[in-house]
PDB file of N, CA and C in Angstrom:
ATOM      1  N   MET A   1       1.042  -1.128  -0.575  1.00  0.00           N
ATOM      2  CA  MET A   1       0.203  -0.363   0.286  1.00  0.00           C
ATOM      3  C   MET A   1       0.809   1.197  -0.306  1.00  0.00           C
ATOM      4  N   ASN A   2       0.718   2.246  -1.227  1.00  0.00           N
ATOM      5  CA  ASN A   2       1.601   3.136  -0.696  1.00  0.00           C
ATOM      6  C   ASN A   2       0.751   4.019   0.095  1.00  0.00           C
ATOM      7  N   ASP A   3       1.909   4.950   0.248  1.00  0.00           N
ATOM      8  CA  ASP A   3       2.238   6.048   1.091  1.00  0.00           C
ATOM      9  C   ASP A   3       0.304   7.010   0.724  1.00  0.00           C
ATOM     10  N   HIS A   4      -0.059   7.632   0.168  1.00  0.00           N
ATOM     11  CA  HIS A   4      -0.848   8.041  -0.338  1.00  0.00           C
ATOM     12  C   HIS A   4      -2.105   7.414   0.914  1.00  0.00           C
ATOM     13  N   TYR A   5      -2.845   5.993   0.154  1.00  0.00           N
ATOM     14  CA  TYR A   5      -3.955   5.457   0.548  1.00  0.00           C
ATOM     15  C   TYR A   5      -3.202   5.413   2.592  1.00  0.00           C
ATOM     16  N   LYS A   6      -2.280   4.581   2.627  1.00  0.00           N
ATOM     17  CA  LYS A   6      -2.473   5.294   4.229  1.00  0.00           C
ATOM     18  C   LYS A   6      -1.976   6.198   4.618  1.00  0.00           C
ATOM     19  N   LYS A   7      -2.301   6.922   3.964  1.00  0.00           N
ATOM     20  CA  LYS A   7      -2.382   8.896   5.529  1.00  0.00           C
ATOM     21  C   LYS A   7      -3.693   8.402   5.538  1.00  0.00           C
ATOM     22  N   TYR A   8      -4.601   8.817   3.871  1.00  0.00           N
ATOM     23  CA  TYR A   8      -5.779   9.211   3.718  1.00  0.00           C
ATOM     24  C   TYR A   8      -6.232   7.779   3.949  1.00  0.00           C
ATOM     25  N   LYS A   9      -6.848   6.619   4.156  1.00  0.00           N
ATOM     26  CA  LYS A   9      -7.068   4.992   4.377  1.00  0.00           C
ATOM     27  C   LYS A   9      -8.736   5.625   4.981  1.00  0.00           C
ATOM     28  N   THR A  10      -8.345   6.844   5.901  1.00  0.00           N
ATOM     29  CA  THR A  10      -9.891   6.677   7.302  1.00  0.00           C
ATOM     30  C   THR A  10     -11.050   7.754   5.732  1.00  0.00           C
ATOM     31  N   THR A  11     -10.478   8.608   5.202  1.00  0.00           N
ATOM     32  CA  THR A  11     -11.029   9.263   4.543  1.00  0.00           C
ATOM     33  C   THR A  11     -11.355   8.363   2.973  1.00  0.00           C
ATOM     34  N   ILE A  12     -10.507   7.572   2.691  1.00  0.00           N
ATOM     35  CA  ILE A  12     -11.096   7.325   2.092  1.00  0.00           C
ATOM     36  C   ILE A  12     -12.485   6.288   1.738  1.00  0.00           C
ATOM     37  N   LYS A  13     -12.127   6.159   2.966  1.00  0.00           N
ATOM     38  CA  LYS A  13     -13.479   4.655   3.220  1.00  0.00           C
ATOM     39  C   LYS A  13     -14.999   5.612   3.396  1.00  0.00           C
ATOM     40  N   LYS A  14     -14.533   7.101   4.920  1.00  0.00           N
ATOM     41  CA  LYS A  14     -15.899   7.440   4.301  1.00  0.00           C
ATOM     42  C   LYS A  14     -16.268   7.534   3.537  1.00  0.00           C
ATOM     43  N   VAL A  15     -15.759   8.047   2.317  1.00  0.00           N
ATOM     44  CA  VAL A  15     -16.310   8.937   1.258  1.00  0.00           C
ATOM     45  C   VAL A  15     -16.695   7.701   0.249  1.00  0.00           C
ATOM     46  N   ALA A  16     -15.843   6.188   0.047  1.00  0.00           N
ATOM     47  CA  ALA A  16     -16.542   5.741  -0.301  1.00  0.00           C
ATOM     48  C   ALA A  16     -18.506   5.258  -0.242  1.00  0.00           C
ATOM     49  N   ARG A  17     -18.204   5.715   1.284  1.00  0.00           N
ATOM     50  CA  ARG A  17     -19.313   4.829   1.928  1.00  0.00           C
ATOM     51  C   ARG A  17     -20.525   6.394   1.972  1.00  0.00           C
ATOM     52  N   ARG A  18     -19.644   6.662   1.152  1.00  0.00           N
ATOM     53  CA  ARG A  18     -21.367   8.196   1.324  1.00  0.00           C
ATOM     54  C   ARG A  18     -21.811   7.915  -0.012  1.00  0.00           C
ATOM     55  N   HIS A  19     -20.515   8.090  -1.103  1.00  0.00           N
ATOM     56  CA  HIS A  19     -20.946   7.605  -2.885  1.00  0.00           C
ATOM     57  C   HIS A  19     -22.466   5.807  -2.078  1.00  0.00           C
ATOM     58  N   ARG A  20     -21.848   5.016  -1.649  1.00  0.00           N
ATOM     59  CA  ARG A  20     -22.647   4.179  -1.238  1.00  0.00           C
ATOM     60  C   ARG A  20     -23.866   4.100  -0.762  1.00  0.00           C
ATOM     61  N   LEU A  21     -24.244   4.904  -0.086  1.00  0.00           N
ATOM     62  CA  LEU A  21     -25.413   5.618   0.742  1.00  0.00           C
ATOM     63  C   LEU A  21     -25.942   6.472  -0.323  1.00  0.00           C
ATOM     64  N   LEU A  22     -25.387   6.841  -1.447  1.00  0.00           N
ATOM     65  CA  LEU A  22     -26.482   8.045  -2.142  1.00  0.00           C
ATOM     66  C   LEU A  22     -26.941   7.599  -3.192  1.00  0.00           C
ATOM     67  N   LYS A  23     -26.209   6.333  -3.649  1.00  0.00           N
ATOM     68  CA  LYS A  23     -26.521   5.337  -5.157  1.00  0.00           C
ATOM     69  C   LYS A  23     -27.932   4.424  -4.192  1.00  0.00           C
ATOM     70  N   ASP A  24     -27.850   4.241  -2.944  1.00  0.00           N
ATOM     71  CA  ASP A  24     -29.077   3.868  -2.689  1.00  0.00           C
ATOM     72  C   ASP A  24     -29.455   4.724  -1.631  1.00  0.00           C
ATOM     73  N   LYS A  25     -29.762   5.617  -2.188  1.00  0.00           N
ATOM     74  CA  LYS A  25     -30.401   6.997  -1.697  1.00  0.00           C
ATOM     75  C   LYS A  25     -32.316   6.378  -1.686  1.00  0.00           C
ATOM     76  N   TRP A  26     -32.862   6.656  -2.952  1.00  0.00           N
ATOM     77  CA  TRP A  26     -34.343   6.444  -2.477  1.00  0.00           C
ATOM     78  C   TRP A  26     -34.946   5.160  -1.910  1.00  0.00           C
ATOM     79  N   ILE A  27     -34.082   4.093  -2.399  1.00  0.00           N
ATOM     80  CA  ILE A  27     -34.232   2.514  -0.891  1.00  0.00           C
ATOM     81  C   ILE A  27     -34.192   3.171   0.361  1.00  0.00           C
ATOM     82  N   THR A  28     -32.926   3.750   0.676  1.00  0.00           N
ATOM     83  CA  THR A  28     -33.481   4.790   1.756  1.00  0.00           C
ATOM     84  C   THR A  28     -34.152   5.309   2.073  1.00  0.00           C
ATOM     85  N   ASN A  29     -34.621   6.731   1.101  1.00  0.00           N
ATOM     86  CA  ASN A  29     -35.970   6.358   1.405  1.00  0.00           C
ATOM     87  C   ASN A  29     -36.874   6.243   1.663  1.00  0.00           C
ATOM     88  N   TYR A  30     -37.230   4.959   0.826  1.00  0.00           N
ATOM     89  CA  TYR A  30     -38.200   4.452   1.146  1.00  0.00           C
ATOM     90  C   TYR A  30     -39.051   3.926   2.152  1.00  0.00           C
ATOM     91  N   LEU A  31     -37.418   3.177   2.742  1.00  0.00           N
ATOM     92  CA  LEU A  31     -36.914   2.527   4.615  1.00  0.00           C
ATOM     93  C   LEU A  31     -37.083   3.393   5.081  1.00  0.00           C
ATOM     94  N   MET A  32     -37.219   4.893   4.884  1.00  0.00           N
ATOM     95  CA  MET A  32     -36.922   5.376   6.383  1.00  0.00           C
ATOM     96  C   MET A  32     -38.948   6.019   7.332  1.00  0.00           C
ATOM     97  N   SER A  33     -39.648   5.260   6.043  1.00  0.00           N
ATOM     98  CA  SER A  33     -41.605   5.686   6.284  1.00  0.00           C
ATOM     99  C   SER A  33     -41.643   4.156   6.858  1.00  0.00           C
ATOM    100  N   ASN A  34     -40.964   3.252   7.184  1.00  0.00           N
ATOM    101  CA  ASN A  34     -41.179   2.073   7.914  1.00  0.00           C
ATOM    102  C   ASN A  34     -40.660   0.978   8.941  1.00  0.00           C
ATOM    103  N   SER A  35     -41.119   0.222   9.515  1.00  0.00           N
ATOM    104  CA  SER A  35     -40.443   0.000  10.299  1.00  0.00           C
ATOM    105  C   SER A  35     -40.087  -2.011  10.167  1.00  0.00           C
ATOM    106  N   CYS A  36     -39.905  -2.208  10.744  1.00  0.00           N
ATOM    107  CA  CYS A  36     -39.835  -4.196  11.197  1.00  0.00           C
ATOM    108  C   CYS A  36     -41.210  -4.351  11.195  1.00  0.00           C
ATOM    109  N   GLN A  37     -41.150  -5.247  10.666  1.00  0.00           N
ATOM    110  CA  GLN A  37     -43.054  -5.895  10.720  1.00  0.00           C
ATOM    111  C   GLN A  37     -43.531  -6.993  11.992  1.00  0.00           C
ATOM    112  N   VAL A  38     -41.597  -7.290  12.588  1.00  0.00           N
ATOM    113  CA  VAL A  38     -41.729  -8.303  13.348  1.00  0.00           C
ATOM    114  C   VAL A  38     -41.473  -7.093  14.833  1.00  0.00           C
ATOM    115  N   CYS A  39     -40.254  -6.631  15.089  1.00  0.00           N
ATOM    116  CA  CYS A  39     -40.833  -5.968  16.538  1.00  0.00           C
ATOM    117  C   CYS A  39     -40.730  -4.289  16.033  1.00  0.00           C
ATOM    118  N   ASN A  40     -40.830  -4.056  15.189  1.00  0.00           N
ATOM    119  CA  ASN A  40     -40.770  -2.636  15.630  1.00  0.00           C
ATOM    120  C   ASN A  40     -39.711  -1.902  15.483  1.00  0.00           C
ATOM    121  N   GLU A  41     -38.216  -2.060  15.035  1.00  0.00           N
ATOM    122  CA  GLU A  41     -37.774  -0.889  15.423  1.00  0.00           C
ATOM    123  C   GLU A  41     -37.594  -0.293  14.139  1.00  0.00           C
ATOM    124  N   SER A  42     -37.258   1.148  14.288  1.00  0.00           N
ATOM    125  CA  SER A  42     -37.423   1.657  13.424  1.00  0.00           C
ATOM    126  C   SER A  42     -36.447   2.420  13.037  1.00  0.00           C
ATOM    127  N   GLU A  43     -35.399   2.174  13.832  1.00  0.00           N
ATOM    128  CA  GLU A  43     -33.338   3.103  12.707  1.00  0.00           C
ATOM    129  C   GLU A  43     -33.689   2.431  11.136  1.00  0.00           C
ATOM    130  N   LEU A  44     -33.134   3.096  11.105  1.00  0.00           N
ATOM    131  CA  LEU A  44     -33.108   2.978   9.282  1.00  0.00           C
ATOM    132  C   LEU A  44     -31.723   1.765   9.212  1.00  0.00           C
ATOM    133  N   ILE A  45     -30.656   2.738   9.861  1.00  0.00           N
ATOM    134  CA  ILE A  45     -29.813   2.013  10.038  1.00  0.00           C
ATOM    135  C   ILE A  45     -30.187   0.525   9.649  1.00  0.00           C
ATOM    136  N   CYS A  46     -30.423  -0.054  10.426  1.00  0.00           N
ATOM    137  CA  CYS A  46     -30.978  -1.595  10.897  1.00  0.00           C
ATOM    138  C   CYS A  46     -31.799  -2.272   9.635  1.00  0.00           C
ATOM    139  N   LEU A  47     -32.770  -1.337   8.890  1.00  0.00           N
ATOM    140  CA  LEU A  47     -33.853  -1.621   8.016  1.00  0.00           C
ATOM    141  C   LEU A  47     -32.635  -3.003   7.331  1.00  0.00           C
ATOM    142  N   GLN A  48     -33.605  -4.194   6.807  1.00  0.00           N
ATOM    143  CA  GLN A  48     -33.323  -4.106   5.200  1.00  0.00           C
ATOM    144  C   GLN A  48     -34.910  -5.639   4.837  1.00  0.00           C
ATOM    145  N   PHE A  49     -34.959  -5.710   3.649  1.00  0.00           N
ATOM    146  CA  PHE A  49     -36.024  -6.321   2.445  1.00  0.00           C
ATOM    147  C   PHE A  49     -35.326  -7.776   3.239  1.00  0.00           C
ATOM    148  N   TYR A  50     -36.374  -8.163   3.245  1.00  0.00           N
ATOM    149  CA  TYR A  50     -36.604 -10.205   4.013  1.00  0.00           C
ATOM    150  C   TYR A  50     -37.133 -11.038   2.465  1.00  0.00           C
ATOM    151  N   PRO A  51     -36.760 -12.076   2.517  1.00  0.00           N
ATOM    152  CA  PRO A  51     -35.109 -12.276   2.125  1.00  0.00           C
ATOM    153  C   PRO A  51     -34.904 -11.810   0.382  1.00  0.00           C
ATOM    154  N   ASP A  52     -35.306 -10.971   0.258  1.00  0.00           N
ATOM    155  CA  ASP A  52     -34.327 -10.163  -1.029  1.00  0.00           C
ATOM    156  C   ASP A  52     -33.306  -9.776  -1.466  1.00  0.00           C
ATOM    157  N   ASP A  53     -32.352  -8.361   0.116  1.00  0.00           N
ATOM    158  CA  ASP A  53     -32.571  -6.976   0.321  1.00  0.00           C
ATOM    159  C   ASP A  53     -30.452  -7.328  -0.115  1.00  0.00           C
ATOM    160  N   ARG A  54     -29.609  -8.487  -0.226  1.00  0.00           N
ATOM    161  CA  ARG A  54     -28.751  -8.187  -1.732  1.00  0.00           C
ATOM    162  C   ARG A  54     -28.974  -7.407  -2.590  1.00  0.00           C
ATOM    163  N   LYS A  55     -30.468  -7.927  -3.450  1.00  0.00           N
ATOM    164  CA  LYS A  55     -30.362  -8.712  -4.671  1.00  0.00           C
ATOM    165  C   LYS A  55     -30.907  -7.214  -5.323  1.00  0.00           C
ATOM    166  N   ILE A  56     -32.237  -6.352  -3.862  1.00  0.00           N
ATOM    167  CA  ILE A  56     -32.830  -5.436  -4.165  1.00  0.00           C
ATOM    168  C   ILE A  56     -31.423  -4.044  -4.423  1.00  0.00           C
ATOM    169  N   ARG A  57     -30.847  -4.695  -3.486  1.00  0.00           N
ATOM    170  CA  ARG A  57     -29.421  -3.138  -3.130  1.00  0.00           C
ATOM    171  C   ARG A  57     -28.835  -3.161  -4.357  1.00  0.00           C
ATOM    172  N   ALA A  58     -29.112  -4.836  -5.685  1.00  0.00           N
ATOM    173  CA  ALA A  58     -27.316  -4.236  -6.114  1.00  0.00           C
ATOM    174  C   ALA A  58     -28.464  -3.773  -7.886  1.00  0.00           C
ATOM    175  N   MET A  59     -29.700  -4.080  -7.600  1.00  0.00           N
ATOM    176  CA  MET A  59     -30.478  -4.212  -8.628  1.00  0.00           C
ATOM    177  C   MET A  59     -30.916  -2.555  -8.600  1.00  0.00           C
ATOM    178  N   SER A  60     -30.668  -1.980  -7.482  1.00  0.00           N
ATOM    179  CA  SER A  60     -31.159  -0.686  -7.765  1.00  0.00           C
ATOM    180  C   SER A  60     -29.823   0.598  -7.933  1.00  0.00           C
ATOM    181  N   LYS A  61     -28.775  -0.006  -7.262  1.00  0.00           N
ATOM    182  CA  LYS A  61     -27.573   0.365  -8.058  1.00  0.00           C
ATOM    183  C   LYS A  61     -27.368   0.345 -10.029  1.00  0.00           C
ATOM    184  N   LYS A  62     -27.858  -0.844 -10.356  1.00  0.00           N
ATOM    185  CA  LYS A  62     -27.759  -0.873 -11.319  1.00  0.00           C
ATOM    186  C   LYS A  62     -28.533  -1.157 -13.179  1.00  0.00           C
ATOM    187  N   SER A  63     -30.028   0.103 -11.639  1.00  0.00           N
ATOM    188  CA  SER A  63     -31.607   0.229 -13.309  1.00  0.00           C
ATOM    189  C   SER A  63     -31.152   1.196 -12.853  1.00  0.00           C
ATOM    190  N   GLU A  64     -31.850   2.665 -13.405  1.00  0.00           N
ATOM    191  CA  GLU A  64     -32.922   3.480 -14.093  1.00  0.00           C
ATOM    192  C   GLU A  64     -34.171   3.215 -13.257  1.00  0.00           C
ATOM    193  N   ASP A  65     -34.344   2.297 -14.535  1.00  0.00           N
ATOM    194  CA  ASP A  65     -36.012   2.074 -13.890  1.00  0.00           C
ATOM    195  C   ASP A  65     -36.211   1.508 -12.245  1.00  0.00           C
ATOM    196  N   LYS A  66     -36.798   1.798 -11.711  1.00  0.00           N
ATOM    197  CA  LYS A  66     -37.458   1.639 -10.054  1.00  0.00           C
ATOM    198  C   LYS A  66     -38.783   0.537 -10.656  1.00  0.00           C
ATOM    199  N   THR A  67     -39.219   0.425 -11.435  1.00  0.00           N
ATOM    200  CA  THR A  67     -40.168  -0.996 -10.963  1.00  0.00           C
ATOM    201  C   THR A  67     -40.454  -2.079 -11.442  1.00  0.00           C
ATOM    202  N   GLU A  68     -38.917  -2.767 -11.492  1.00  0.00           N
ATOM    203  CA  GLU A  68     -38.628  -4.163 -11.716  1.00  0.00           C
ATOM    204  C   GLU A  68     -38.323  -4.812 -10.007  1.00  0.00           C
ATOM    205  N   VAL A  69     -37.915  -3.044  -9.884  1.00  0.00           N
ATOM    206  CA  VAL A  69     -36.653  -3.561  -7.987  1.00  0.00           C
ATOM    207  C   VAL A  69     -38.351  -3.178  -7.597  1.00  0.00           C
ATOM    208  N   MET A  70     -39.480  -2.015  -7.354  1.00  0.00           N
ATOM    209  CA  MET A  70     -40.206  -2.281  -6.590  1.00  0.00           C
ATOM    210  C   MET A  70     -41.231  -3.716  -7.177  1.00  0.00           C
ATOM    211  N   GLN A  71     -41.264  -4.449  -7.243  1.00  0.00           N
ATOM    212  CA  GLN A  71     -41.446  -5.659  -8.226  1.00  0.00           C
ATOM    213  C   GLN A  71     -41.113  -6.452  -6.974  1.00  0.00           C
ATOM    214  N   TYR A  72     -39.786  -6.470  -6.555  1.00  0.00           N
ATOM    215  CA  TYR A  72     -38.757  -6.965  -5.470  1.00  0.00           C
ATOM    216  C   TYR A  72     -39.325  -7.212  -4.978  1.00  0.00           C
ATOM    217  N   ILE A  73     -38.909  -5.629  -3.212  1.00  0.00           N
ATOM    218  CA  ILE A  73     -39.379  -4.952  -2.538  1.00  0.00           C
ATOM    219  C   ILE A  73     -40.693  -5.606  -2.018  1.00  0.00           C
ATOM    220  N   SER A  74     -41.973  -5.504  -3.544  1.00  0.00           N
ATOM    221  CA  SER A  74     -43.461  -5.624  -2.978  1.00  0.00           C
ATOM    222  C   SER A  74     -43.106  -6.872  -3.256  1.00  0.00           C
ATOM    223  N   LYS A  75     -42.687  -7.390  -2.750  1.00  0.00           N
ATOM    224  CA  LYS A  75     -42.507  -9.663  -2.554  1.00  0.00           C
ATOM    225  C   LYS A  75     -41.673  -9.534  -0.802  1.00  0.00           C
ATOM    226  N   ASN A  76     -41.079  -8.529  -0.431  1.00  0.00           N
ATOM    227  CA  ASN A  76     -40.389  -9.084   1.106  1.00  0.00           C
ATOM    228  C   ASN A  76     -41.694  -7.980   2.004  1.00  0.00           C
ATOM    229  N   LYS A  77     -40.356  -8.591   3.511  1.00  0.00           N
ATOM    230  CA  LYS A  77     -41.138  -7.238   3.750  1.00  0.00           C
ATOM    231  C   LYS A  77     -39.848  -6.512   4.700  1.00  0.00           C
ATOM    232  N   ILE A  78     -40.497  -5.903   5.116  1.00  0.00           N
ATOM    233  CA  ILE A  78     -39.044  -5.190   5.901  1.00  0.00           C
ATOM    234  C   ILE A  78     -38.939  -5.173   7.343  1.00  0.00           C
ATOM    235  N   VAL A  79     -38.091  -6.008   7.529  1.00  0.00           N
ATOM    236  CA  VAL A  79     -37.796  -6.400   9.505  1.00  0.00           C
ATOM    237  C   VAL A  79     -36.320  -5.904   9.415  1.00  0.00           C
ATOM    238  N   CYS A  80     -35.989  -5.766  10.512  1.00  0.00           N
ATOM    239  CA  CYS A  80     -33.919  -4.910  11.082  1.00  0.00           C
ATOM    240  C   CYS A  80     -33.649  -6.314  11.022  1.00  0.00           C
ATOM    241  N   ARG A  81     -32.539  -5.775  11.640  1.00  0.00           N
ATOM    242  CA  ARG A  81     -31.189  -6.945  11.724  1.00  0.00           C
ATOM    243  C   ARG A  81     -30.936  -7.945  12.009  1.00  0.00           C
ATOM    244  N   ASN A  82     -31.771  -8.374  13.224  1.00  0.00           N
ATOM    245  CA  ASN A  82     -31.787  -9.075  14.075  1.00  0.00           C
ATOM    246  C   ASN A  82     -33.350 -10.039  13.641  1.00  0.00           C
ATOM    247  N   CYS A  83     -33.922  -9.011  13.266  1.00  0.00           N
ATOM    248  CA  CYS A  83     -35.637  -9.896  12.999  1.00  0.00           C
ATOM    249  C   CYS A  83     -35.240 -11.232  11.503  1.00  0.00           C
ATOM    250  N   TYR A  84     -33.987 -10.715  10.793  1.00  0.00           N
ATOM    251  CA  TYR A  84     -32.893 -11.099   9.839  1.00  0.00           C
ATOM    252  C   TYR A  84     -32.863 -11.997   9.957  1.00  0.00           C
ATOM    253  N   GLN A  85     -31.603 -12.272  10.752  1.00  0.00           N
ATOM    254  CA  GLN A  85     -31.358 -13.792  10.897  1.00  0.00           C
ATOM    255  C   GLN A  85     -32.433 -14.936  11.661  1.00  0.00           C
ATOM    256  N   LYS A  86     -33.161 -14.345  12.570  1.00  0.00           N
ATOM    257  CA  LYS A  86     -34.073 -15.309  12.736  1.00  0.00           C
ATOM    258  C   LYS A  86     -35.067 -15.541  12.129  1.00  0.00           C
ATOM    259  N   LEU A  87     -35.071 -15.184  11.387  1.00  0.00           N
ATOM    260  CA  LEU A  87     -36.066 -15.466   9.937  1.00  0.00           C
ATOM    261  C   LEU A  87     -35.466 -16.723   8.651  1.00  0.00           C
ATOM    262  N   ASP A  88     -34.182 -16.344   8.618  1.00  0.00           N
ATOM    263  CA  ASP A  88     -33.507 -16.730   8.699  1.00  0.00           C
ATOM    264  C   ASP A  88     -33.114 -18.070   8.931  1.00  0.00           C
ATOM    265  N   SER A  89     -32.951 -18.239  10.181  1.00  0.00           N
ATOM    266  CA  SER A  89     -32.626 -19.306  10.998  1.00  0.00           C
ATOM    267  C   SER A  89     -33.217 -20.308  11.263  1.00  0.00           C
ATOM    268  N   ASP A  90     -34.625 -19.723  10.507  1.00  0.00           N
ATOM    269  CA  ASP A  90     -36.444 -19.719  11.279  1.00  0.00           C
ATOM    270  C   ASP A  90     -36.632 -20.043  12.725  1.00  0.00           C
ATOM    271  N   ILE A  91     -35.883 -18.988  14.054  1.00  0.00           N
ATOM    272  CA  ILE A  91     -36.436 -19.362  14.481  1.00  0.00           C
ATOM    273  C   ILE A  91     -37.908 -18.585  14.660  1.00  0.00           C
ATOM    274  N   ILE A  92     -38.490 -17.034  14.572  1.00  0.00           N
ATOM    275  CA  ILE A  92     -39.774 -16.402  13.839  1.00  0.00           C
ATOM    276  C   ILE A  92     -40.247 -16.814  12.736  1.00  0.00           C
ATOM    277  N   THR A  93     -41.670 -16.713  12.878  1.00  0.00           N
ATOM    278  CA  THR A  93     -41.589 -16.522  11.201  1.00  0.00           C
ATOM    279  C   THR A  93     -42.275 -15.150  11.397  1.00  0.00           C
ATOM    280  N   ILE A  94     -42.956 -14.944  10.068  1.00  0.00           N
ATOM    281  CA  ILE A  94     -44.035 -13.341   9.993  1.00  0.00           C
ATOM    282  C   ILE A  94     -44.862 -13.487  10.274  1.00  0.00           C
ATOM    283  N   THR A  95     -46.000 -13.630  10.489  1.00  0.00           N
ATOM    284  CA  THR A  95     -47.502 -14.094  10.150  1.00  0.00           C
ATOM    285  C   THR A  95     -48.011 -12.675   9.473  1.00  0.00           C
ATOM    286  N   ASN A  96     -49.100 -12.858   9.137  1.00  0.00           N
ATOM    287  CA  ASN A  96     -49.815 -11.636   8.190  1.00  0.00           C
ATOM    288  C   ASN A  96     -51.420 -11.659   8.296  1.00  0.00           C
TER     289      ASN A  96
END
């Protein structure tokens, strides 16, 4: 690693994170008005789509057309990270 990257490592990480968040901005705005459907957690940083969070976020970054992404979102539940892990491990279930 050259000296420039060593010196600015923290700054580079912060900028990269900010750019990532900007790409996810409309997804973030969508999640802001929701909470976990299991435990009602509303902290934005904790919320995810179950079960296709990674796919939805990857699609949102690649596609300008939100129609396909919204179709995936409509088939998912919004949950916090803790509940996501519990659902994924079959510890809990979502009943509607």
